[in-house]
N, C-alpha and C. Protein backbone atom coordinates (compact mmCIF):
# COMPACT_ATOMS: atom_id res chain seq x y z
N MET A 1 74.86 19.64 2.78
CA MET A 1 75.63 18.88 1.78
C MET A 1 75.67 17.40 2.16
N ALA A 2 74.50 16.84 2.50
CA ALA A 2 74.45 15.43 2.90
C ALA A 2 74.92 14.54 1.76
N PHE A 3 74.55 14.93 0.53
CA PHE A 3 74.94 14.11 -0.63
C PHE A 3 76.46 14.03 -0.75
N SER A 4 77.12 15.19 -0.55
CA SER A 4 78.57 15.22 -0.69
C SER A 4 79.24 14.31 0.34
N ALA A 5 78.74 14.38 1.58
CA ALA A 5 79.31 13.52 2.62
C ALA A 5 79.08 12.05 2.26
N ASN A 6 77.90 11.77 1.71
CA ASN A 6 77.56 10.42 1.30
C ASN A 6 78.50 9.93 0.20
N ALA A 7 78.82 10.83 -0.74
CA ALA A 7 79.71 10.48 -1.85
C ALA A 7 81.10 10.11 -1.35
N GLN A 8 81.51 10.74 -0.24
CA GLN A 8 82.85 10.47 0.30
C GLN A 8 82.98 9.02 0.79
N THR A 9 81.86 8.45 1.24
CA THR A 9 81.91 7.11 1.82
C THR A 9 81.84 6.01 0.76
N LYS A 10 81.50 6.38 -0.45
CA LYS A 10 81.34 5.37 -1.51
C LYS A 10 82.67 5.08 -2.19
N ASN A 11 82.82 3.83 -2.64
CA ASN A 11 84.04 3.51 -3.38
C ASN A 11 83.86 3.89 -4.85
N ALA A 12 84.93 3.76 -5.62
CA ALA A 12 84.92 4.22 -7.01
C ALA A 12 83.86 3.49 -7.84
N ASP A 13 83.72 2.18 -7.64
CA ASP A 13 82.74 1.42 -8.42
C ASP A 13 81.31 1.86 -8.10
N GLN A 14 81.05 2.15 -6.82
CA GLN A 14 79.71 2.62 -6.45
C GLN A 14 79.41 3.98 -7.06
N LEU A 15 80.42 4.85 -7.08
CA LEU A 15 80.23 6.17 -7.69
C LEU A 15 80.00 6.06 -9.19
N LEU A 16 80.73 5.16 -9.84
CA LEU A 16 80.53 4.95 -11.28
C LEU A 16 79.13 4.44 -11.56
N GLU A 17 78.68 3.51 -10.71
CA GLU A 17 77.34 2.95 -10.85
C GLU A 17 76.29 4.06 -10.76
N GLU A 18 76.50 4.95 -9.78
CA GLU A 18 75.55 6.05 -9.58
C GLU A 18 75.60 7.03 -10.75
N LEU A 19 76.81 7.33 -11.22
CA LEU A 19 76.96 8.23 -12.36
C LEU A 19 76.29 7.64 -13.60
N SER A 20 76.50 6.35 -13.85
CA SER A 20 75.88 5.69 -15.00
C SER A 20 74.36 5.70 -14.89
N ALA A 21 73.85 5.40 -13.70
CA ALA A 21 72.40 5.36 -13.49
C ALA A 21 71.78 6.73 -13.73
N THR A 22 72.43 7.77 -13.20
CA THR A 22 71.92 9.13 -13.39
C THR A 22 71.94 9.50 -14.87
N THR A 23 73.06 9.22 -15.52
CA THR A 23 73.20 9.58 -16.95
C THR A 23 72.19 8.82 -17.81
N ASN A 24 72.00 7.54 -17.52
CA ASN A 24 71.08 6.71 -18.32
C ASN A 24 69.62 7.04 -18.06
N SER A 25 69.36 7.79 -16.99
CA SER A 25 67.96 8.14 -16.69
C SER A 25 67.45 9.27 -17.60
N TYR A 26 68.36 9.96 -18.29
CA TYR A 26 67.96 11.07 -19.17
C TYR A 26 67.54 10.53 -20.54
N GLN A 27 66.51 11.15 -21.11
CA GLN A 27 66.11 10.77 -22.48
C GLN A 27 67.20 11.18 -23.47
N ASN A 28 67.79 12.33 -23.23
CA ASN A 28 68.90 12.80 -24.07
C ASN A 28 69.72 13.82 -23.30
N ILE A 29 70.91 14.07 -23.81
CA ILE A 29 71.82 15.04 -23.19
C ILE A 29 72.40 15.91 -24.31
N LYS A 30 72.40 17.22 -24.06
CA LYS A 30 73.07 18.15 -24.99
C LYS A 30 74.18 18.85 -24.21
N VAL A 31 75.38 18.81 -24.76
CA VAL A 31 76.48 19.51 -24.09
C VAL A 31 77.22 20.42 -25.08
N THR A 32 77.69 21.54 -24.58
CA THR A 32 78.68 22.33 -25.31
C THR A 32 79.98 22.16 -24.53
N PHE A 33 81.08 22.07 -25.24
CA PHE A 33 82.34 21.76 -24.57
C PHE A 33 83.52 22.45 -25.25
N ALA A 34 84.60 22.58 -24.47
CA ALA A 34 85.88 23.01 -25.02
C ALA A 34 86.77 21.77 -25.08
N TYR A 35 87.38 21.55 -26.24
CA TYR A 35 88.24 20.38 -26.43
C TYR A 35 89.68 20.87 -26.58
N THR A 36 90.56 20.33 -25.75
CA THR A 36 91.98 20.72 -25.80
C THR A 36 92.83 19.49 -26.05
N MET A 37 93.77 19.61 -27.00
CA MET A 37 94.77 18.56 -27.21
C MET A 37 96.12 19.13 -26.82
N LYS A 38 96.81 18.39 -25.94
CA LYS A 38 98.10 18.87 -25.44
C LYS A 38 99.13 17.76 -25.59
N ASN A 39 100.32 18.13 -26.04
CA ASN A 39 101.46 17.22 -26.02
C ASN A 39 102.69 18.07 -25.74
N ASN A 40 103.16 18.00 -24.50
CA ASN A 40 104.26 18.88 -24.07
C ASN A 40 105.53 18.66 -24.88
N GLU A 41 105.86 17.41 -25.17
CA GLU A 41 107.08 17.11 -25.94
C GLU A 41 107.02 17.70 -27.34
N ALA A 42 105.84 17.62 -27.96
CA ALA A 42 105.70 18.11 -29.33
C ALA A 42 105.33 19.59 -29.38
N GLY A 43 105.13 20.20 -28.22
CA GLY A 43 104.78 21.63 -28.18
C GLY A 43 103.39 21.92 -28.71
N ILE A 44 102.47 20.96 -28.55
CA ILE A 44 101.09 21.14 -29.05
C ILE A 44 100.18 21.53 -27.88
N ASP A 45 99.41 22.59 -28.09
CA ASP A 45 98.41 23.00 -27.11
C ASP A 45 97.30 23.72 -27.88
N GLU A 46 96.29 22.97 -28.31
CA GLU A 46 95.25 23.51 -29.18
C GLU A 46 93.89 23.32 -28.53
N THR A 47 93.06 24.36 -28.61
CA THR A 47 91.70 24.28 -28.06
C THR A 47 90.68 24.65 -29.12
N THR A 48 89.59 23.90 -29.17
CA THR A 48 88.48 24.23 -30.06
C THR A 48 87.18 23.92 -29.31
N ASN A 49 86.08 24.48 -29.78
CA ASN A 49 84.79 24.28 -29.12
C ASN A 49 83.90 23.37 -29.95
N GLY A 50 82.99 22.68 -29.28
CA GLY A 50 82.10 21.78 -30.00
C GLY A 50 80.79 21.59 -29.26
N THR A 51 79.89 20.85 -29.92
CA THR A 51 78.61 20.48 -29.30
C THR A 51 78.38 18.99 -29.50
N LEU A 52 77.63 18.41 -28.59
CA LEU A 52 77.33 16.98 -28.65
C LEU A 52 75.92 16.75 -28.15
N ILE A 53 75.16 15.95 -28.91
CA ILE A 53 73.84 15.49 -28.46
C ILE A 53 73.92 13.97 -28.38
N VAL A 54 73.45 13.40 -27.28
CA VAL A 54 73.46 11.95 -27.11
C VAL A 54 72.07 11.50 -26.66
N SER A 55 71.58 10.42 -27.28
CA SER A 55 70.33 9.80 -26.84
C SER A 55 70.50 8.30 -27.00
N GLY A 56 70.70 7.60 -25.90
CA GLY A 56 70.95 6.16 -25.97
C GLY A 56 72.21 5.90 -26.79
N GLU A 57 72.09 5.06 -27.83
CA GLU A 57 73.24 4.74 -28.68
C GLU A 57 73.45 5.77 -29.79
N LYS A 58 72.54 6.72 -29.90
CA LYS A 58 72.61 7.71 -30.98
C LYS A 58 73.38 8.94 -30.50
N TYR A 59 74.10 9.56 -31.44
CA TYR A 59 74.78 10.81 -31.07
C TYR A 59 75.02 11.68 -32.29
N HIS A 60 75.26 12.96 -32.04
CA HIS A 60 75.55 13.95 -33.08
C HIS A 60 76.62 14.88 -32.51
N LEU A 61 77.83 14.74 -33.02
CA LEU A 61 78.98 15.53 -32.56
C LEU A 61 79.34 16.54 -33.64
N ASN A 62 79.56 17.78 -33.23
CA ASN A 62 79.91 18.84 -34.17
C ASN A 62 81.15 19.56 -33.62
N ILE A 63 82.27 19.44 -34.33
CA ILE A 63 83.50 20.06 -33.84
C ILE A 63 84.46 20.33 -35.01
N ALA A 64 85.04 21.51 -35.02
CA ALA A 64 86.11 21.88 -35.95
C ALA A 64 85.79 21.53 -37.41
N GLY A 65 84.61 21.93 -37.87
CA GLY A 65 84.26 21.70 -39.27
C GLY A 65 83.94 20.26 -39.61
N GLN A 66 83.71 19.47 -38.59
CA GLN A 66 83.41 18.05 -38.80
C GLN A 66 82.15 17.69 -38.00
N GLU A 67 81.25 16.96 -38.65
CA GLU A 67 80.08 16.44 -37.95
C GLU A 67 80.15 14.92 -37.98
N VAL A 68 79.97 14.31 -36.81
CA VAL A 68 79.93 12.85 -36.72
C VAL A 68 78.56 12.49 -36.16
N ILE A 69 77.79 11.75 -36.96
CA ILE A 69 76.39 11.46 -36.61
C ILE A 69 76.19 9.95 -36.64
N SER A 70 75.51 9.45 -35.62
CA SER A 70 75.21 8.02 -35.58
C SER A 70 73.78 7.80 -35.11
N ASP A 71 73.06 6.92 -35.82
CA ASP A 71 71.71 6.54 -35.37
C ASP A 71 71.74 5.19 -34.64
N GLY A 72 72.96 4.77 -34.30
CA GLY A 72 73.13 3.49 -33.61
C GLY A 72 73.49 2.35 -34.55
N LYS A 73 73.19 2.53 -35.86
CA LYS A 73 73.51 1.50 -36.86
C LYS A 73 74.46 2.02 -37.93
N THR A 74 74.20 3.26 -38.37
CA THR A 74 75.01 3.89 -39.42
C THR A 74 75.76 5.08 -38.83
N LEU A 75 77.01 5.26 -39.33
CA LEU A 75 77.85 6.36 -38.87
C LEU A 75 78.18 7.25 -40.07
N TRP A 76 77.84 8.53 -39.96
CA TRP A 76 78.16 9.50 -41.01
C TRP A 76 79.22 10.45 -40.48
N THR A 77 80.27 10.67 -41.27
CA THR A 77 81.29 11.65 -40.89
C THR A 77 81.35 12.69 -42.01
N TYR A 78 80.86 13.89 -41.71
CA TYR A 78 80.79 14.96 -42.71
C TYR A 78 81.94 15.93 -42.49
N LEU A 79 82.72 16.14 -43.56
CA LEU A 79 83.86 17.06 -43.52
C LEU A 79 83.51 18.29 -44.35
N ALA A 80 83.31 19.42 -43.67
CA ALA A 80 82.83 20.63 -44.35
C ALA A 80 83.83 21.12 -45.39
N ASP A 81 85.13 21.09 -45.07
CA ASP A 81 86.15 21.62 -45.99
C ASP A 81 86.15 20.91 -47.33
N SER A 82 86.04 19.59 -47.29
CA SER A 82 86.11 18.82 -48.54
C SER A 82 84.74 18.49 -49.10
N GLU A 83 83.68 18.96 -48.40
CA GLU A 83 82.31 18.71 -48.84
C GLU A 83 82.07 17.24 -49.16
N GLU A 84 82.47 16.39 -48.22
CA GLU A 84 82.22 14.96 -48.40
C GLU A 84 81.70 14.37 -47.11
N VAL A 85 80.93 13.30 -47.26
CA VAL A 85 80.47 12.56 -46.09
C VAL A 85 80.83 11.09 -46.28
N GLN A 86 81.49 10.52 -45.29
CA GLN A 86 81.84 9.10 -45.30
C GLN A 86 80.77 8.35 -44.52
N VAL A 87 80.29 7.26 -45.10
CA VAL A 87 79.23 6.47 -44.47
C VAL A 87 79.79 5.10 -44.11
N ASN A 88 79.66 4.73 -42.84
CA ASN A 88 80.13 3.44 -42.35
C ASN A 88 79.06 2.78 -41.50
N ASP A 89 79.17 1.47 -41.34
CA ASP A 89 78.37 0.79 -40.32
C ASP A 89 78.99 1.08 -38.97
N VAL A 90 78.17 1.18 -37.94
CA VAL A 90 78.70 1.34 -36.58
C VAL A 90 79.37 0.04 -36.18
N ASP A 91 80.57 0.17 -35.66
CA ASP A 91 81.31 -1.00 -35.18
C ASP A 91 80.90 -1.27 -33.74
N PRO A 92 80.24 -2.42 -33.47
CA PRO A 92 79.80 -2.69 -32.10
C PRO A 92 80.96 -2.80 -31.12
N GLU A 93 82.17 -3.05 -31.65
CA GLU A 93 83.36 -3.16 -30.79
C GLU A 93 84.05 -1.82 -30.60
N GLU A 94 83.45 -0.75 -31.17
CA GLU A 94 84.07 0.57 -31.08
C GLU A 94 84.38 0.89 -29.63
N GLY A 95 85.64 1.22 -29.37
CA GLY A 95 86.08 1.37 -27.99
C GLY A 95 85.65 2.66 -27.33
N PHE A 96 85.37 3.69 -28.13
CA PHE A 96 85.22 4.99 -27.49
C PHE A 96 84.22 5.87 -28.22
N SER A 97 82.95 5.56 -28.08
CA SER A 97 81.92 6.41 -28.67
C SER A 97 81.40 7.36 -27.60
N PRO A 98 80.84 8.51 -28.00
CA PRO A 98 80.29 9.43 -27.00
C PRO A 98 79.25 8.78 -26.10
N SER A 99 78.43 7.89 -26.69
CA SER A 99 77.39 7.22 -25.88
C SER A 99 78.03 6.39 -24.78
N LYS A 100 79.06 5.62 -25.16
CA LYS A 100 79.75 4.79 -24.16
C LYS A 100 80.42 5.67 -23.12
N LEU A 101 81.00 6.74 -23.59
CA LEU A 101 81.72 7.62 -22.68
C LEU A 101 80.80 8.16 -21.60
N LEU A 102 79.57 8.50 -21.98
CA LEU A 102 78.67 9.12 -21.02
C LEU A 102 77.91 8.12 -20.16
N SER A 103 77.97 6.83 -20.50
CA SER A 103 77.08 5.94 -19.74
C SER A 103 77.63 4.59 -19.30
N SER A 104 78.68 4.07 -19.94
CA SER A 104 79.02 2.67 -19.63
C SER A 104 80.41 2.51 -19.03
N TYR A 105 80.74 3.41 -18.12
CA TYR A 105 82.07 3.37 -17.52
C TYR A 105 82.34 2.06 -16.78
N ASN A 106 81.37 1.64 -15.96
CA ASN A 106 81.64 0.53 -15.03
C ASN A 106 81.90 -0.80 -15.73
N LYS A 107 81.40 -0.98 -16.96
CA LYS A 107 81.62 -2.24 -17.66
C LYS A 107 83.00 -2.30 -18.31
N GLU A 108 83.49 -1.14 -18.72
CA GLU A 108 84.67 -1.11 -19.56
C GLU A 108 85.98 -0.83 -18.80
N TYR A 109 85.86 -0.33 -17.59
CA TYR A 109 87.06 0.19 -16.91
C TYR A 109 87.19 -0.30 -15.47
N THR A 110 88.41 -0.25 -14.97
CA THR A 110 88.69 -0.41 -13.55
C THR A 110 88.85 1.00 -12.97
N ALA A 111 88.13 1.29 -11.90
CA ALA A 111 88.08 2.66 -11.38
C ALA A 111 88.80 2.81 -10.05
N LYS A 112 89.34 4.01 -9.84
CA LYS A 112 90.03 4.33 -8.59
C LYS A 112 89.75 5.80 -8.25
N LYS A 113 89.49 6.08 -6.98
CA LYS A 113 89.25 7.46 -6.55
C LYS A 113 90.55 8.25 -6.53
N GLU A 114 90.48 9.49 -6.99
CA GLU A 114 91.60 10.43 -6.89
C GLU A 114 91.18 11.54 -5.91
N ASN A 115 92.07 12.48 -5.65
CA ASN A 115 91.74 13.59 -4.75
C ASN A 115 90.59 14.41 -5.30
N ASN A 116 89.71 14.88 -4.40
CA ASN A 116 88.62 15.77 -4.81
C ASN A 116 89.17 17.13 -5.22
N LEU A 117 88.39 17.84 -6.04
CA LEU A 117 88.76 19.19 -6.46
C LEU A 117 87.72 20.17 -5.93
N ILE A 118 88.15 21.38 -5.60
CA ILE A 118 87.22 22.47 -5.31
C ILE A 118 87.44 23.52 -6.40
N ILE A 119 86.41 23.76 -7.20
CA ILE A 119 86.51 24.76 -8.28
C ILE A 119 85.37 25.75 -8.09
N GLY A 120 85.72 27.02 -7.92
CA GLY A 120 84.69 28.05 -7.74
C GLY A 120 83.78 27.76 -6.56
N GLY A 121 84.36 27.18 -5.51
CA GLY A 121 83.56 26.89 -4.31
C GLY A 121 82.76 25.60 -4.39
N LYS A 122 82.78 24.94 -5.54
CA LYS A 122 82.02 23.68 -5.70
C LYS A 122 82.96 22.49 -5.57
N SER A 123 82.41 21.39 -5.08
CA SER A 123 83.20 20.18 -4.88
C SER A 123 83.02 19.22 -6.05
N PHE A 124 84.13 18.72 -6.56
CA PHE A 124 84.11 17.78 -7.69
C PHE A 124 84.86 16.50 -7.31
N LEU A 125 84.27 15.36 -7.64
CA LEU A 125 84.93 14.08 -7.47
C LEU A 125 85.85 13.83 -8.65
N GLN A 126 86.94 13.11 -8.40
CA GLN A 126 87.81 12.68 -9.50
C GLN A 126 87.97 11.16 -9.46
N LEU A 127 87.76 10.53 -10.60
CA LEU A 127 87.96 9.09 -10.72
C LEU A 127 88.92 8.81 -11.86
N LYS A 128 89.82 7.88 -11.62
CA LYS A 128 90.76 7.46 -12.66
C LYS A 128 90.31 6.10 -13.20
N LEU A 129 90.08 6.03 -14.51
CA LEU A 129 89.61 4.79 -15.14
C LEU A 129 90.70 4.19 -16.02
N LYS A 130 90.98 2.93 -15.78
CA LYS A 130 91.93 2.20 -16.65
C LYS A 130 91.12 1.22 -17.48
N PRO A 131 91.30 1.21 -18.81
CA PRO A 131 90.55 0.27 -19.64
C PRO A 131 90.89 -1.18 -19.28
N LYS A 132 89.86 -2.02 -19.27
CA LYS A 132 90.08 -3.45 -19.03
C LYS A 132 90.65 -4.12 -20.27
N ASP A 133 90.34 -3.55 -21.44
CA ASP A 133 90.83 -4.09 -22.72
C ASP A 133 92.32 -3.79 -22.87
N LYS A 134 93.12 -4.84 -22.96
CA LYS A 134 94.59 -4.68 -23.06
C LYS A 134 95.00 -4.00 -24.37
N ASP A 135 94.13 -4.07 -25.39
CA ASP A 135 94.46 -3.46 -26.69
C ASP A 135 93.92 -2.04 -26.82
N SER A 136 93.51 -1.45 -25.72
CA SER A 136 92.96 -0.09 -25.77
C SER A 136 94.01 0.87 -26.34
N ASN A 137 93.52 1.91 -27.07
CA ASN A 137 94.46 2.87 -27.65
C ASN A 137 94.73 4.05 -26.72
N PHE A 138 94.25 3.97 -25.47
CA PHE A 138 94.61 5.01 -24.51
C PHE A 138 94.95 4.37 -23.17
N ASP A 139 95.71 5.10 -22.36
CA ASP A 139 96.25 4.57 -21.11
C ASP A 139 95.23 4.67 -19.97
N PHE A 140 94.70 5.88 -19.75
CA PHE A 140 93.70 6.03 -18.70
C PHE A 140 92.87 7.30 -18.96
N VAL A 141 91.74 7.39 -18.24
CA VAL A 141 90.85 8.54 -18.34
C VAL A 141 90.60 9.06 -16.92
N ILE A 142 90.62 10.38 -16.77
CA ILE A 142 90.21 11.01 -15.51
C ILE A 142 88.82 11.60 -15.71
N LEU A 143 87.87 11.19 -14.88
CA LEU A 143 86.54 11.79 -14.89
C LEU A 143 86.46 12.81 -13.76
N VAL A 144 85.98 14.00 -14.07
CA VAL A 144 85.72 15.02 -13.04
C VAL A 144 84.20 15.17 -12.97
N ILE A 145 83.66 14.90 -11.78
CA ILE A 145 82.20 14.77 -11.63
C ILE A 145 81.68 15.83 -10.67
N ASP A 146 80.65 16.56 -11.12
CA ASP A 146 79.95 17.50 -10.25
C ASP A 146 79.26 16.67 -9.16
N GLN A 147 79.73 16.85 -7.93
CA GLN A 147 79.30 15.97 -6.85
C GLN A 147 77.83 16.15 -6.50
N ASP A 148 77.33 17.40 -6.55
CA ASP A 148 75.93 17.66 -6.17
C ASP A 148 74.95 17.12 -7.21
N ALA A 149 75.26 17.31 -8.48
CA ALA A 149 74.35 16.88 -9.55
C ALA A 149 74.63 15.45 -10.01
N MET A 150 75.78 14.89 -9.58
CA MET A 150 76.25 13.59 -10.07
C MET A 150 76.23 13.58 -11.61
N GLN A 151 76.89 14.62 -12.17
CA GLN A 151 77.00 14.75 -13.63
C GLN A 151 78.46 14.95 -13.99
N LEU A 152 78.81 14.43 -15.16
CA LEU A 152 80.16 14.60 -15.68
C LEU A 152 80.41 16.08 -15.97
N SER A 153 81.56 16.59 -15.52
CA SER A 153 81.92 17.98 -15.75
C SER A 153 83.09 18.10 -16.72
N LYS A 154 83.99 17.11 -16.65
CA LYS A 154 85.18 17.13 -17.51
C LYS A 154 85.71 15.72 -17.59
N PHE A 155 86.27 15.37 -18.76
CA PHE A 155 87.03 14.12 -18.81
C PHE A 155 88.32 14.34 -19.58
N ILE A 156 89.37 13.67 -19.10
CA ILE A 156 90.72 13.90 -19.62
C ILE A 156 91.29 12.54 -20.01
N ILE A 157 91.62 12.39 -21.29
CA ILE A 157 92.11 11.12 -21.81
C ILE A 157 93.62 11.21 -22.02
N HIS A 158 94.36 10.26 -21.46
CA HIS A 158 95.81 10.18 -21.64
C HIS A 158 96.11 8.97 -22.52
N ASP A 159 96.77 9.19 -23.66
CA ASP A 159 97.11 8.04 -24.51
C ASP A 159 98.57 7.64 -24.29
N PHE A 160 99.03 6.66 -25.06
CA PHE A 160 100.39 6.12 -24.86
C PHE A 160 101.45 6.96 -25.58
N GLU A 161 101.02 7.97 -26.35
CA GLU A 161 101.98 8.80 -27.10
C GLU A 161 102.26 10.13 -26.41
N GLY A 162 101.78 10.28 -25.18
CA GLY A 162 102.00 11.55 -24.47
C GLY A 162 100.96 12.61 -24.78
N ASN A 163 99.91 12.24 -25.52
CA ASN A 163 98.84 13.20 -25.82
C ASN A 163 97.83 13.22 -24.67
N ILE A 164 97.35 14.42 -24.36
CA ILE A 164 96.31 14.58 -23.34
C ILE A 164 95.14 15.30 -24.00
N PHE A 165 93.99 14.64 -24.03
CA PHE A 165 92.78 15.19 -24.65
C PHE A 165 91.80 15.54 -23.53
N THR A 166 91.45 16.83 -23.42
CA THR A 166 90.54 17.28 -22.37
C THR A 166 89.24 17.77 -22.98
N TYR A 167 88.13 17.26 -22.47
CA TYR A 167 86.79 17.73 -22.84
C TYR A 167 86.20 18.40 -21.61
N ASP A 168 86.07 19.72 -21.67
CA ASP A 168 85.54 20.50 -20.54
C ASP A 168 84.09 20.86 -20.87
N LEU A 169 83.14 20.23 -20.17
CA LEU A 169 81.72 20.41 -20.49
C LEU A 169 81.22 21.73 -19.90
N LYS A 170 80.87 22.66 -20.79
CA LYS A 170 80.48 24.01 -20.36
C LYS A 170 78.99 24.07 -20.03
N GLN A 171 78.18 23.38 -20.82
CA GLN A 171 76.74 23.36 -20.62
C GLN A 171 76.29 21.91 -20.67
N PHE A 172 75.39 21.53 -19.78
CA PHE A 172 74.92 20.15 -19.71
C PHE A 172 73.41 20.23 -19.57
N VAL A 173 72.69 20.00 -20.68
CA VAL A 173 71.23 20.16 -20.70
C VAL A 173 70.61 18.78 -20.95
N THR A 174 69.59 18.43 -20.16
CA THR A 174 68.99 17.10 -20.29
C THR A 174 67.54 17.19 -20.74
N ASN A 175 67.09 16.09 -21.37
CA ASN A 175 65.67 15.91 -21.74
C ASN A 175 65.11 17.06 -22.58
N SER A 176 65.85 17.43 -23.64
CA SER A 176 65.40 18.51 -24.55
C SER A 176 64.44 17.94 -25.60
N GLU A 177 63.66 18.85 -26.19
CA GLU A 177 62.89 18.49 -27.39
C GLU A 177 63.85 18.52 -28.57
N LEU A 178 64.06 17.39 -29.24
CA LEU A 178 65.02 17.33 -30.34
C LEU A 178 64.30 17.16 -31.67
N PRO A 179 64.81 17.80 -32.75
CA PRO A 179 64.25 17.56 -34.08
C PRO A 179 64.35 16.07 -34.44
N ALA A 180 63.40 15.58 -35.23
CA ALA A 180 63.34 14.15 -35.58
C ALA A 180 64.59 13.68 -36.31
N ASP A 181 65.25 14.61 -37.04
CA ASP A 181 66.41 14.20 -37.86
C ASP A 181 67.74 14.47 -37.15
N SER A 182 67.73 14.56 -35.82
CA SER A 182 68.96 14.91 -35.08
C SER A 182 70.07 13.89 -35.27
N PHE A 183 69.71 12.62 -35.55
CA PHE A 183 70.72 11.56 -35.58
C PHE A 183 70.82 10.87 -36.94
N THR A 184 70.48 11.62 -38.00
CA THR A 184 70.69 11.12 -39.36
C THR A 184 71.29 12.23 -40.20
N PHE A 185 71.97 11.84 -41.27
CA PHE A 185 72.56 12.82 -42.19
C PHE A 185 71.67 12.90 -43.43
N ASP A 186 71.21 14.10 -43.76
CA ASP A 186 70.33 14.29 -44.91
C ASP A 186 71.12 14.98 -46.03
N PRO A 187 71.54 14.19 -47.06
CA PRO A 187 72.36 14.78 -48.14
C PRO A 187 71.66 15.92 -48.87
N SER A 188 70.31 15.93 -48.86
CA SER A 188 69.59 16.99 -49.59
C SER A 188 69.84 18.37 -48.97
N LYS A 189 70.28 18.40 -47.73
CA LYS A 189 70.59 19.69 -47.09
C LYS A 189 71.98 20.19 -47.49
N TYR A 190 72.74 19.33 -48.16
CA TYR A 190 74.11 19.68 -48.59
C TYR A 190 74.21 19.34 -50.09
N PRO A 191 73.69 20.21 -50.94
CA PRO A 191 73.57 19.89 -52.37
C PRO A 191 74.86 19.48 -53.06
N ASP A 192 76.01 19.99 -52.61
CA ASP A 192 77.28 19.70 -53.28
C ASP A 192 78.06 18.57 -52.62
N VAL A 193 77.47 17.91 -51.65
CA VAL A 193 78.23 16.91 -50.89
C VAL A 193 78.49 15.67 -51.73
N GLU A 194 79.71 15.13 -51.56
CA GLU A 194 80.05 13.84 -52.19
C GLU A 194 79.86 12.77 -51.12
N VAL A 195 79.03 11.77 -51.44
CA VAL A 195 78.77 10.69 -50.50
C VAL A 195 79.72 9.54 -50.78
N ILE A 196 80.55 9.18 -49.81
CA ILE A 196 81.50 8.06 -49.95
C ILE A 196 81.01 6.94 -49.04
N ASP A 197 80.35 5.96 -49.64
CA ASP A 197 79.77 4.86 -48.87
C ASP A 197 80.82 3.77 -48.69
N MET A 198 81.25 3.58 -47.46
CA MET A 198 82.34 2.62 -47.19
C MET A 198 81.81 1.33 -46.54
N ARG A 199 80.49 1.12 -46.64
CA ARG A 199 79.93 -0.11 -46.04
C ARG A 199 80.13 -1.31 -46.93
């Protein structure tokens, strides 16, 4: 476990740099995850499952009857229940996109090491990230990192309202063959969809 010992000697910024470099080295990433929203005061504890594909600035998120697709310029949000898709331009100032989440930690946050975790005999690093942006809509994020693979295993977002959002990555697959239309919304596949263009 030379890598693990090596990870212990690195500071939080060095670990973030390494995590970003590893993540950015992949052509694409496919993850399946469990998403939990918890608010103890409000008595909320809800879990749902989802999938996410990321390639550079492009992503395709599928969760709870909602698909969010971005080709880096256009953002489509498809709501299955109401059979509508909202079309927006991607906001370059968007604070929290899946692409940013998986790759650009070191630019956006101040990092601090937390205690390591041992789960199922495996060692995981924990880093606490505070947004540098004073107007951020969340307080801090905890990254749980598989120390051997230097891959994100879980991230936990704490906002200012007492909500805790946990994304537990169950499967992490890299460099897959993806269909050409993975990052665009094709209305012809949804004959009854109402397109609401908000650009």
